[in-house]
Amino acid sequence: VERVALPSVDMEAVLKAAQIDPRRADSAITPGAGS
């Protein structure tokens, strides 16, 4: 029975964004982390 693959969350990218984004003056998205 074929299982539907779940979308991927890149933990490295999420951690990077969680450090950078709160320090931004705007709501820009960290490259490579948005999805």
Full PDB file with SEQRES, HELIX, SHEET, SSBOND, CRYST1, ORIGX, SCALE, CONECT and MASTER records, all heavy atoms in Angstrom:
SEQRES   1 A   35  VAL GLU ARG VAL ALA LEU PRO SER VAL ASP MET GLU ALA          
SEQRES   2 A   35  VAL LEU LYS ALA ALA GLN ILE ASP PRO ARG ARG ALA ASP          
SEQRES   3 A   35  SER ALA ILE THR PRO GLY ALA GLY SER                          
HELIX    1 AA1 MET A   11  ILE A   20  1                                  10    
HELIX    2 AA2 ASP A   21  ARG A   23  5                                   3    
CRYST1    1.000    1.000    1.000  90.00  90.00  90.00 P 1           1          
ORIGX1      1.000000  0.000000  0.000000        0.00000                         
ORIGX2      0.000000  1.000000  0.000000        0.00000                         
ORIGX3      0.000000  0.000000  1.000000        0.00000                         
SCALE1      1.000000  0.000000  0.000000        0.00000                         
SCALE2      0.000000  1.000000  0.000000        0.00000                         
SCALE3      0.000000  0.000000  1.000000        0.00000                         
ATOM      1  N   VAL A   1       0.858  -1.183   0.000  1.00  0.00           N  
ATOM      2  CA  VAL A   1       0.000   0.000   0.000  1.00  0.00           C  
ATOM      3  C   VAL A   1       0.894   1.233   0.000  1.00  0.00           C  
ATOM      4  O   VAL A   1       1.703   1.426   0.913  1.00  0.00           O  
ATOM      5  CB  VAL A   1      -0.925   0.011   1.243  1.00  0.00           C  
ATOM      6  CG1 VAL A   1      -1.756   1.274   1.263  1.00  0.00           C  
ATOM      7  CG2 VAL A   1      -1.801  -1.231   1.261  1.00  0.00           C  
ATOM      8  N   GLU A   2       0.810   2.043  -1.025  1.00  0.00           N  
ATOM      9  CA  GLU A   2       1.652   3.223  -1.132  1.00  0.00           C  
ATOM     10  C   GLU A   2       1.201   4.292  -0.144  1.00  0.00           C  
ATOM     11  O   GLU A   2       0.018   4.632  -0.074  1.00  0.00           O  
ATOM     12  CB  GLU A   2       1.592   3.794  -2.558  1.00  0.00           C  
ATOM     13  CG  GLU A   2       2.188   2.876  -3.610  1.00  0.00           C  
ATOM     14  CD  GLU A   2       3.675   2.661  -3.409  1.00  0.00           C  
ATOM     15  OE1 GLU A   2       4.341   3.587  -2.902  1.00  0.00           O  
ATOM     16  OE2 GLU A   2       4.160   1.568  -3.745  1.00  0.00           O  
ATOM     17  N   ARG A   3       2.115   4.816   0.620  1.00  0.00           N  
ATOM     18  CA  ARG A   3       1.810   5.883   1.572  1.00  0.00           C  
ATOM     19  C   ARG A   3       2.137   7.235   0.945  1.00  0.00           C  
ATOM     20  O   ARG A   3       3.124   7.370   0.233  1.00  0.00           O  
ATOM     21  CB  ARG A   3       2.632   5.709   2.859  1.00  0.00           C  
ATOM     22  CG  ARG A   3       2.291   4.433   3.618  1.00  0.00           C  
ATOM     23  CD  ARG A   3       3.119   4.337   4.890  1.00  0.00           C  
ATOM     24  NE  ARG A   3       2.860   3.120   5.615  1.00  0.00           N  
ATOM     25  CZ  ARG A   3       1.864   2.974   6.487  1.00  0.00           C  
ATOM     26  NH1 ARG A   3       1.054   4.000   6.733  1.00  0.00           N  
ATOM     27  NH2 ARG A   3       1.682   1.827   7.117  1.00  0.00           N  
ATOM     28  N   VAL A   4       1.304   8.203   1.246  1.00  0.00           N  
ATOM     29  CA  VAL A   4       1.540   9.545   0.738  1.00  0.00           C  
ATOM     30  C   VAL A   4       2.652  10.189   1.568  1.00  0.00           C  
ATOM     31  O   VAL A   4       2.575  10.234   2.799  1.00  0.00           O  
ATOM     32  CB  VAL A   4       0.263  10.399   0.826  1.00  0.00           C  
ATOM     33  CG1 VAL A   4       0.538  11.822   0.364  1.00  0.00           C  
ATOM     34  CG2 VAL A   4      -0.854   9.767  -0.002  1.00  0.00           C  
ATOM     35  N   ALA A   5       3.705  10.648   0.918  1.00  0.00           N  
ATOM     36  CA  ALA A   5       4.841  11.242   1.630  1.00  0.00           C  
ATOM     37  C   ALA A   5       4.444  12.589   2.224  1.00  0.00           C  
ATOM     38  O   ALA A   5       3.784  13.412   1.568  1.00  0.00           O  
ATOM     39  CB  ALA A   5       6.010  11.419   0.675  1.00  0.00           C  
ATOM     40  N   LEU A   6       4.838  12.804   3.466  1.00  0.00           N  
ATOM     41  CA  LEU A   6       4.572  14.087   4.117  1.00  0.00           C  
ATOM     42  C   LEU A   6       5.567  15.127   3.618  1.00  0.00           C  
ATOM     43  O   LEU A   6       6.703  14.794   3.273  1.00  0.00           O  
ATOM     44  CB  LEU A   6       4.701  13.945   5.630  1.00  0.00           C  
ATOM     45  CG  LEU A   6       3.675  13.066   6.338  1.00  0.00           C  
ATOM     46  CD1 LEU A   6       4.025  12.941   7.818  1.00  0.00           C  
ATOM     47  CD2 LEU A   6       2.271  13.622   6.174  1.00  0.00           C  
ATOM     48  N   PRO A   7       5.178  16.406   3.586  1.00  0.00           N  
ATOM     49  CA  PRO A   7       6.141  17.445   3.224  1.00  0.00           C  
ATOM     50  C   PRO A   7       7.238  17.528   4.272  1.00  0.00           C  
ATOM     51  O   PRO A   7       7.057  17.118   5.417  1.00  0.00           O  
ATOM     52  CB  PRO A   7       5.284  18.721   3.199  1.00  0.00           C  
ATOM     53  CG  PRO A   7       4.113  18.413   4.071  1.00  0.00           C  
ATOM     54  CD  PRO A   7       3.843  16.947   3.888  1.00  0.00           C  
ATOM     55  N   SER A   8       8.385  18.055   3.887  1.00  0.00           N  
ATOM     56  CA  SER A   8       9.555  18.077   4.764  1.00  0.00           C  
ATOM     57  C   SER A   8       9.748  19.419   5.448  1.00  0.00           C  
ATOM     58  O   SER A   8       9.559  20.474   4.830  1.00  0.00           O  
ATOM     59  CB  SER A   8      10.821  17.751   3.964  1.00  0.00           C  
ATOM     60  OG  SER A   8      10.750  16.438   3.450  1.00  0.00           O  
ATOM     61  N   VAL A   9      10.131  19.352   6.706  1.00  0.00           N  
ATOM     62  CA  VAL A   9      10.569  20.527   7.460  1.00  0.00           C  
ATOM     63  C   VAL A   9      12.058  20.362   7.727  1.00  0.00           C  
ATOM     64  O   VAL A   9      12.479  19.407   8.386  1.00  0.00           O  
ATOM     65  CB  VAL A   9       9.789  20.675   8.777  1.00  0.00           C  
ATOM     66  CG1 VAL A   9      10.526  21.613   9.738  1.00  0.00           C  
ATOM     67  CG2 VAL A   9       8.395  21.207   8.523  1.00  0.00           C  
ATOM     68  N   ASP A  10      12.860  21.262   7.196  1.00  0.00           N  
ATOM     69  CA  ASP A  10      14.308  21.260   7.378  1.00  0.00           C  
ATOM     70  C   ASP A  10      14.621  21.912   8.723  1.00  0.00           C  
ATOM     71  O   ASP A  10      14.504  23.129   8.869  1.00  0.00           O  
ATOM     72  CB  ASP A  10      14.957  22.023   6.223  1.00  0.00           C  
ATOM     73  CG  ASP A  10      16.481  22.025   6.272  1.00  0.00           C  
ATOM     74  OD1 ASP A  10      17.043  21.905   7.368  1.00  0.00           O  
ATOM     75  OD2 ASP A  10      17.101  22.175   5.203  1.00  0.00           O  
ATOM     76  N   MET A  11      15.008  21.104   9.709  1.00  0.00           N  
ATOM     77  CA  MET A  11      15.247  21.647  11.045  1.00  0.00           C  
ATOM     78  C   MET A  11      16.374  22.663  11.058  1.00  0.00           C  
ATOM     79  O   MET A  11      16.316  23.668  11.781  1.00  0.00           O  
ATOM     80  CB  MET A  11      15.527  20.523  12.041  1.00  0.00           C  
ATOM     81  CG  MET A  11      15.679  21.047  13.473  1.00  0.00           C  
ATOM     82  SD  MET A  11      15.840  19.726  14.691  1.00  0.00           S  
ATOM     83  CE  MET A  11      16.063  20.714  16.195  1.00  0.00           C  
ATOM     84  N   GLU A  12      17.422  22.427  10.289  1.00  0.00           N  
ATOM     85  CA  GLU A  12      18.524  23.387  10.239  1.00  0.00           C  
ATOM     86  C   GLU A  12      18.016  24.763   9.809  1.00  0.00           C  
ATOM     87  O   GLU A  12      18.385  25.797  10.391  1.00  0.00           O  
ATOM     88  CB  GLU A  12      19.605  22.914   9.275  1.00  0.00           C  
ATOM     89  CG  GLU A  12      20.399  21.718   9.758  1.00  0.00           C  
ATOM     90  CD  GLU A  12      21.505  21.343   8.780  1.00  0.00           C  
ATOM     91  OE1 GLU A  12      21.994  22.238   8.058  1.00  0.00           O  
ATOM     92  OE2 GLU A  12      21.876  20.164   8.733  1.00  0.00           O  
ATOM     93  N   ALA A  13      17.168  24.782   8.781  1.00  0.00           N  
ATOM     94  CA  ALA A  13      16.644  26.051   8.270  1.00  0.00           C  
ATOM     95  C   ALA A  13      15.712  26.706   9.284  1.00  0.00           C  
ATOM     96  O   ALA A  13      15.734  27.937   9.470  1.00  0.00           O  
ATOM     97  CB  ALA A  13      15.914  25.818   6.953  1.00  0.00           C  
ATOM     98  N   VAL A  14      14.889  25.902   9.955  1.00  0.00           N  
ATOM     99  CA  VAL A  14      13.959  26.446  10.955  1.00  0.00           C  
ATOM    100  C   VAL A  14      14.729  27.076  12.114  1.00  0.00           C  
ATOM    101  O   VAL A  14      14.391  28.174  12.581  1.00  0.00           O  
ATOM    102  CB  VAL A  14      13.014  25.341  11.461  1.00  0.00           C  
ATOM    103  CG1 VAL A  14      12.236  25.807  12.689  1.00  0.00           C  
ATOM    104  CG2 VAL A  14      12.032  24.933  10.365  1.00  0.00           C  
ATOM    105  N   LEU A  15      15.774  26.399  12.590  1.00  0.00           N  
ATOM    106  CA  LEU A  15      16.568  26.957  13.682  1.00  0.00           C  
ATOM    107  C   LEU A  15      17.227  28.271  13.288  1.00  0.00           C  
ATOM    108  O   LEU A  15      17.257  29.234  14.067  1.00  0.00           O  
ATOM    109  CB  LEU A  15      17.649  25.955  14.105  1.00  0.00           C  
ATOM    110  CG  LEU A  15      17.178  24.700  14.838  1.00  0.00           C  
ATOM    111  CD1 LEU A  15      18.346  23.761  15.082  1.00  0.00           C  
ATOM    112  CD2 LEU A  15      16.507  25.054  16.156  1.00  0.00           C  
ATOM    113  N   LYS A  16      17.744  28.310  12.070  1.00  0.00           N  
ATOM    114  CA  LYS A  16      18.384  29.542  11.609  1.00  0.00           C  
ATOM    115  C   LYS A  16      17.378  30.696  11.591  1.00  0.00           C  
ATOM    116  O   LYS A  16      17.658  31.805  12.063  1.00  0.00           O  
ATOM    117  CB  LYS A  16      18.992  29.337  10.216  1.00  0.00           C  
ATOM    118  CG  LYS A  16      19.931  30.457   9.786  1.00  0.00           C  
ATOM    119  CD  LYS A  16      20.515  30.190   8.405  1.00  0.00           C  
ATOM    120  CE  LYS A  16      21.475  29.027   8.393  1.00  0.00           C  
ATOM    121  NZ  LYS A  16      22.142  28.865   7.074  1.00  0.00           N  
ATOM    122  N   ALA A  17      16.185  30.424  11.064  1.00  0.00           N  
ATOM    123  CA  ALA A  17      15.158  31.460  11.005  1.00  0.00           C  
ATOM    124  C   ALA A  17      14.719  31.901  12.396  1.00  0.00           C  
ATOM    125  O   ALA A  17      14.466  33.086  12.635  1.00  0.00           O  
ATOM    126  CB  ALA A  17      13.957  30.942  10.214  1.00  0.00           C  
ATOM    127  N   ALA A  18      14.642  30.943  13.330  1.00  0.00           N  
ATOM    128  CA  ALA A  18      14.205  31.267  14.687  1.00  0.00           C  
ATOM    129  C   ALA A  18      15.218  32.130  15.430  1.00  0.00           C  
ATOM    130  O   ALA A  18      14.880  32.772  16.430  1.00  0.00           O  
ATOM    131  CB  ALA A  18      13.935  29.985  15.473  1.00  0.00           C  
ATOM    132  N   GLN A  19      16.456  32.172  14.964  1.00  0.00           N  
ATOM    133  CA  GLN A  19      17.463  33.069  15.532  1.00  0.00           C  
ATOM    134  C   GLN A  19      17.447  34.435  14.844  1.00  0.00           C  
ATOM    135  O   GLN A  19      17.542  35.472  15.502  1.00  0.00           O  
ATOM    136  CB  GLN A  19      18.862  32.450  15.384  1.00  0.00           C  
ATOM    137  CG  GLN A  19      19.075  31.208  16.237  1.00  0.00           C  
ATOM    138  CD  GLN A  19      20.245  30.363  15.751  1.00  0.00           C  
ATOM    139  OE1 GLN A  19      21.338  30.442  16.293  1.00  0.00           O  
ATOM    140  NE2 GLN A  19      20.014  29.547  14.733  1.00  0.00           N  
ATOM    141  N   ILE A  20      17.318  34.406  13.524  1.00  0.00           N  
ATOM    142  CA  ILE A  20      17.449  35.650  12.752  1.00  0.00           C  
ATOM    143  C   ILE A  20      16.161  36.470  12.722  1.00  0.00           C  
ATOM    144  O   ILE A  20      16.177  37.691  12.961  1.00  0.00           O  
ATOM    145  CB  ILE A  20      17.886  35.326  11.306  1.00  0.00           C  
ATOM    146  CG1 ILE A  20      19.237  34.615  11.305  1.00  0.00           C  
ATOM    147  CG2 ILE A  20      17.966  36.595  10.467  1.00  0.00           C  
ATOM    148  CD1 ILE A  20      19.632  34.039   9.949  1.00  0.00           C  
ATOM    149  N   ASP A  21      15.045  35.825  12.434  1.00  0.00           N  
ATOM    150  CA  ASP A  21      13.809  36.565  12.155  1.00  0.00           C  
ATOM    151  C   ASP A  21      13.336  37.458  13.300  1.00  0.00           C  
ATOM    152  O   ASP A  21      12.907  38.598  13.059  1.00  0.00           O  
ATOM    153  CB  ASP A  21      12.695  35.602  11.740  1.00  0.00           C  
ATOM    154  CG  ASP A  21      12.961  34.954  10.381  1.00  0.00           C  
ATOM    155  OD1 ASP A  21      13.956  35.326   9.728  1.00  0.00           O  
ATOM    156  OD2 ASP A  21      12.184  34.071   9.981  1.00  0.00           O  
ATOM    157  N   PRO A  22      13.406  37.010  14.567  1.00  0.00           N  
ATOM    158  CA  PRO A  22      12.954  37.895  15.641  1.00  0.00           C  
ATOM    159  C   PRO A  22      13.821  39.148  15.806  1.00  0.00           C  
ATOM    160  O   PRO A  22      13.410  40.106  16.465  1.00  0.00           O  
ATOM    161  CB  PRO A  22      13.045  37.007  16.897  1.00  0.00           C  
ATOM    162  CG  PRO A  22      12.995  35.619  16.383  1.00  0.00           C  
ATOM    163  CD  PRO A  22      13.731  35.665  15.077  1.00  0.00           C  
ATOM    164  N   ARG A  23      15.016  39.143  15.228  1.00  0.00           N  
ATOM    165  CA  ARG A  23      15.929  40.279  15.360  1.00  0.00           C  
ATOM    166  C   ARG A  23      15.833  41.253  14.184  1.00  0.00           C  
ATOM    167  O   ARG A  23      16.480  42.302  14.192  1.00  0.00           O  
ATOM    168  CB  ARG A  23      17.376  39.777  15.486  1.00  0.00           C  
ATOM    169  CG  ARG A  23      17.572  38.770  16.595  1.00  0.00           C  
ATOM    170  CD  ARG A  23      17.262  39.353  17.951  1.00  0.00           C  
ATOM    171  NE  ARG A  23      18.299  40.275  18.406  1.00  0.00           N  
ATOM    172  CZ  ARG A  23      18.206  41.017  19.504  1.00  0.00           C  
ATOM    173  NH1 ARG A  23      17.106  40.980  20.238  1.00  0.00           N  
ATOM    174  NH2 ARG A  23      19.190  41.823  19.855  1.00  0.00           N  
ATOM    175  N   ARG A  24      15.043  40.896  13.183  1.00  0.00           N  
ATOM    176  CA  ARG A  24      14.878  41.769  12.021  1.00  0.00           C  
ATOM    177  C   ARG A  24      13.974  42.954  12.355  1.00  0.00           C  
ATOM    178  O   ARG A  24      13.078  42.856  13.197  1.00  0.00           O  
ATOM    179  CB  ARG A  24      14.248  41.004  10.858  1.00  0.00           C  
ATOM    180  CG  ARG A  24      15.080  39.878  10.278  1.00  0.00           C  
ATOM    181  CD  ARG A  24      14.337  39.276   9.098  1.00  0.00           C  
ATOM    182  NE  ARG A  24      14.965  38.094   8.547  1.00  0.00           N  
ATOM    183  CZ  ARG A  24      15.944  38.114   7.641  1.00  0.00           C  
ATOM    184  NH1 ARG A  24      16.411  39.271   7.203  1.00  0.00           N  
ATOM    185  NH2 ARG A  24      16.452  36.981   7.175  1.00  0.00           N  
ATOM    186  N   ALA A  25      14.183  44.039  11.639  1.00  0.00           N  
ATOM    187  CA  ALA A  25      13.299  45.201  11.785  1.00  0.00           C  
ATOM    188  C   ALA A  25      12.063  45.056  10.908  1.00  0.00           C  
ATOM    189  O   ALA A  25      11.131  45.848  11.020  1.00  0.00           O  
ATOM    190  CB  ALA A  25      14.059  46.469  11.404  1.00  0.00           C  
ATOM    191  N   ASP A  26      12.053  44.045  10.033  1.00  0.00           N  
ATOM    192  CA  ASP A  26      10.911  43.826   9.140  1.00  0.00           C  
ATOM    193  C   ASP A  26      10.460  42.371   9.260  1.00  0.00           C  
ATOM    194  O   ASP A  26      10.883  41.664  10.167  1.00  0.00           O  
ATOM    195  CB  ASP A  26      11.304  44.148   7.686  1.00  0.00           C  
ATOM    196  CG  ASP A  26      12.547  43.376   7.232  1.00  0.00           C  
ATOM    197  OD1 ASP A  26      12.853  42.320   7.835  1.00  0.00           O  
ATOM    198  OD2 ASP A  26      13.214  43.827   6.274  1.00  0.00           O  
ATOM    199  N   SER A  27       9.586  41.953   8.364  1.00  0.00           N  
ATOM    200  CA  SER A  27       9.087  40.582   8.403  1.00  0.00           C  
ATOM    201  C   SER A  27       9.643  39.760   7.246  1.00  0.00           C  
ATOM    202  O   SER A  27       8.967  38.880   6.714  1.00  0.00           O  
ATOM    203  CB  SER A  27       7.548  40.564   8.379  1.00  0.00           C  
ATOM    204  OG  SER A  27       7.073  41.237   7.220  1.00  0.00           O  
ATOM    205  N   ALA A  28      10.880  40.064   6.859  1.00  0.00           N  
ATOM    206  CA  ALA A  28      11.519  39.314   5.775  1.00  0.00           C  
ATOM    207  C   ALA A  28      11.672  37.853   6.163  1.00  0.00           C  
ATOM    208  O   ALA A  28      11.693  37.491   7.342  1.00  0.00           O  
ATOM    209  CB  ALA A  28      12.882  39.919   5.451  1.00  0.00           C  
ATOM    210  N   ILE A  29      11.777  37.000   5.162  1.00  0.00           N  
ATOM    211  CA  ILE A  29      11.910  35.562   5.367  1.00  0.00           C  
ATOM    212  C   ILE A  29      13.362  35.155   5.170  1.00  0.00           C  
ATOM    213  O   ILE A  29      14.003  35.554   4.198  1.00  0.00           O  
ATOM    214  CB  ILE A  29      10.999  34.799   4.386  1.00  0.00           C  
ATOM    215  CG1 ILE A  29       9.522  35.097   4.720  1.00  0.00           C  
ATOM    216  CG2 ILE A  29      11.268  33.305   4.431  1.00  0.00           C  
ATOM    217  CD1 ILE A  29       8.544  34.525   3.722  1.00  0.00           C  
ATOM    218  N   THR A  30      13.878  34.370   6.093  1.00  0.00           N  
ATOM    219  CA  THR A  30      15.255  33.895   5.981  1.00  0.00           C  
ATOM    220  C   THR A  30      15.383  32.997   4.749  1.00  0.00           C  
ATOM    221  O   THR A  30      14.602  32.046   4.597  1.00  0.00           O  
ATOM    222  CB  THR A  30      15.655  33.121   7.246  1.00  0.00           C  
ATOM    223  OG1 THR A  30      15.686  34.027   8.352  1.00  0.00           O  
ATOM    224  CG2 THR A  30      17.026  32.481   7.093  1.00  0.00           C  
ATOM    225  N   PRO A  31      16.332  33.298   3.870  1.00  0.00           N  
ATOM    226  CA  PRO A  31      16.481  32.494   2.648  1.00  0.00           C  
ATOM    227  C   PRO A  31      16.590  30.998   2.944  1.00  0.00           C  
ATOM    228  O   PRO A  31      17.349  30.579   3.813  1.00  0.00           O  
ATOM    229  CB  PRO A  31      17.774  33.036   2.029  1.00  0.00           C  
ATOM    230  CG  PRO A  31      17.849  34.444   2.510  1.00  0.00           C  
ATOM    231  CD  PRO A  31      17.303  34.406   3.905  1.00  0.00           C  
ATOM    232  N   GLY A  32      15.813  30.202   2.212  1.00  0.00           N  
ATOM    233  CA  GLY A  32      15.848  28.756   2.356  1.00  0.00           C  
ATOM    234  C   GLY A  32      15.016  28.203   3.488  1.00  0.00           C  
ATOM    235  O   GLY A  32      14.925  26.983   3.657  1.00  0.00           O  
ATOM    236  N   ALA A  33      14.390  29.089   4.287  1.00  0.00           N  
ATOM    237  CA  ALA A  33      13.651  28.621   5.463  1.00  0.00           C  
ATOM    238  C   ALA A  33      12.145  28.790   5.346  1.00  0.00           C  
ATOM    239  O   ALA A  33      11.396  28.174   6.112  1.00  0.00           O  
ATOM    240  CB  ALA A  33      14.139  29.368   6.709  1.00  0.00           C  
ATOM    241  N   GLY A  34      11.682  29.594   4.422  1.00  0.00           N  
ATOM    242  CA  GLY A  34      10.275  29.968   4.379  1.00  0.00           C  
ATOM    243  C   GLY A  34       9.292  28.813   4.333  1.00  0.00           C  
ATOM    244  O   GLY A  34       8.326  28.775   5.108  1.00  0.00           O  
ATOM    245  N   SER A  35       9.521  27.841   3.462  1.00  0.00           N  
ATOM    246  CA  SER A  35       8.560  26.737   3.320  1.00  0.00           C  
ATOM    247  C   SER A  35       8.515  25.868   4.570  1.00  0.00           C  
ATOM    248  O   SER A  35       7.446  25.414   4.993  1.00  0.00           O  
ATOM    249  CB  SER A  35       8.901  25.890   2.090  1.00  0.00           C  
ATOM    250  OG  SER A  35      10.199  25.326   2.202  1.00  0.00           O  
TER     251      SER A  35                                                      
MASTER        0    0    0    2    0    0    0    6  250    1    0    3          
END                                                                             
